[in-house]
Amino acid sequence: MELADKAVGFLLSYISLSIFTYYTFWVIILPFVNSDHFIHRYFLPQEYAILIPVFAGMVFLCFLCIFIGYVMLKSKKKKA
């Protein structure tokens, strides 16, 4: 089990670092590269650099509110 935990931890770290590197390059470095450079083919338009994190944050907040509401309703039923 310990080896599986290490593998999952390594995979999550690798994915997080990859996403962070991609997003950082996309938002900070790419605006300074000429628009006709081939590297622009690998990235979405700049508008999505704001829309994707905002959408992900809203989805996270919705799930968090639903989870908190579910836990509160469940604990209320146990007391009654």
Protein backbone atom coordinates (compact mmCIF):
# COMPACT_ATOMS: atom_id res chain seq x y z
CA MET A 1 0.00 0.00 0.00
CA GLU A 2 2.87 2.36 0.74
CA LEU A 3 4.22 2.04 -2.82
CA ALA A 4 0.79 2.85 -4.25
CA ASP A 5 0.54 5.96 -2.06
CA LYS A 6 3.95 7.13 -3.26
CA ALA A 7 2.97 6.52 -6.88
CA VAL A 8 -0.27 8.48 -6.50
CA GLY A 9 1.58 11.30 -4.73
CA PHE A 10 4.20 11.42 -7.47
CA LEU A 11 1.51 11.41 -10.17
CA LEU A 12 -0.44 14.23 -8.51
CA SER A 13 2.75 16.25 -8.05
CA TYR A 14 3.73 15.73 -11.69
CA ILE A 15 0.28 16.73 -12.95
CA SER A 16 0.18 19.82 -10.72
CA LEU A 17 3.65 20.92 -11.79
CA SER A 18 2.77 20.38 -15.45
CA ILE A 19 -0.40 22.45 -15.20
CA PHE A 20 1.41 25.20 -13.29
CA THR A 21 4.22 25.32 -15.87
CA TYR A 22 1.79 25.35 -18.82
CA TYR A 23 -0.38 28.09 -17.29
CA THR A 24 2.60 30.21 -16.26
CA PHE A 25 4.10 30.01 -19.74
CA TRP A 26 0.70 30.72 -21.30
CA VAL A 27 -0.08 33.79 -19.18
CA ILE A 28 3.32 35.35 -18.47
CA ILE A 29 5.67 34.47 -21.32
CA LEU A 30 3.41 33.94 -24.35
CA PRO A 31 2.21 37.56 -24.64
CA PHE A 32 5.81 38.61 -25.32
CA VAL A 33 6.24 36.11 -28.18
CA ASN A 34 5.35 37.20 -31.71
CA SER A 35 1.83 36.15 -32.69
CA ASP A 36 3.05 34.41 -35.86
CA HIS A 37 5.43 32.14 -33.93
CA PHE A 38 4.65 28.40 -34.12
CA ILE A 39 4.39 28.07 -30.32
CA HIS A 40 0.99 29.84 -30.36
CA ARG A 41 -0.56 26.75 -31.97
CA TYR A 42 -0.17 24.84 -28.68
CA PHE A 43 -2.10 27.31 -26.53
CA LEU A 44 -5.68 28.49 -26.35
CA PRO A 45 -6.54 32.17 -26.90
CA GLN A 46 -5.68 34.51 -24.01
CA GLU A 47 -9.35 34.99 -23.03
CA TYR A 48 -9.45 31.43 -21.78
CA ALA A 49 -6.60 32.17 -19.37
CA ILE A 50 -9.16 34.00 -17.23
CA LEU A 51 -12.32 32.04 -18.07
CA ILE A 52 -10.98 28.58 -17.21
CA PRO A 53 -9.80 29.41 -13.63
CA VAL A 54 -12.99 31.42 -12.95
CA PHE A 55 -15.17 28.53 -14.13
CA ALA A 56 -13.13 26.01 -12.12
CA GLY A 57 -13.39 28.21 -9.03
CA MET A 58 -17.15 28.54 -9.40
CA VAL A 59 -17.56 24.79 -9.80
CA PHE A 60 -15.38 24.24 -6.72
CA LEU A 61 -17.43 26.72 -4.67
CA CYS A 62 -20.69 25.09 -5.77
CA PHE A 63 -19.48 21.63 -4.79
CA LEU A 64 -18.18 22.98 -1.50
CA CYS A 65 -21.53 24.59 -0.68
CA ILE A 66 -23.41 21.43 -1.62
CA PHE A 67 -21.07 19.33 0.55
CA ILE A 68 -21.42 21.66 3.55
CA GLY A 69 -25.21 21.67 3.15
CA TYR A 70 -25.29 17.89 2.94
CA VAL A 71 -23.16 17.51 6.08
CA MET A 72 -25.31 20.01 7.96
CA LEU A 73 -28.52 18.20 6.98
CA LYS A 74 -27.03 14.83 7.89
CA SER A 75 -25.87 16.04 11.31
CA LYS A 76 -29.26 17.61 11.95
CA LYS A 77 -30.99 14.25 11.32
CA LYS A 78 -28.67 12.50 13.80
CA LYS A 79 -29.55 14.96 16.60
CA ALA A 80 -33.31 14.55 16.08
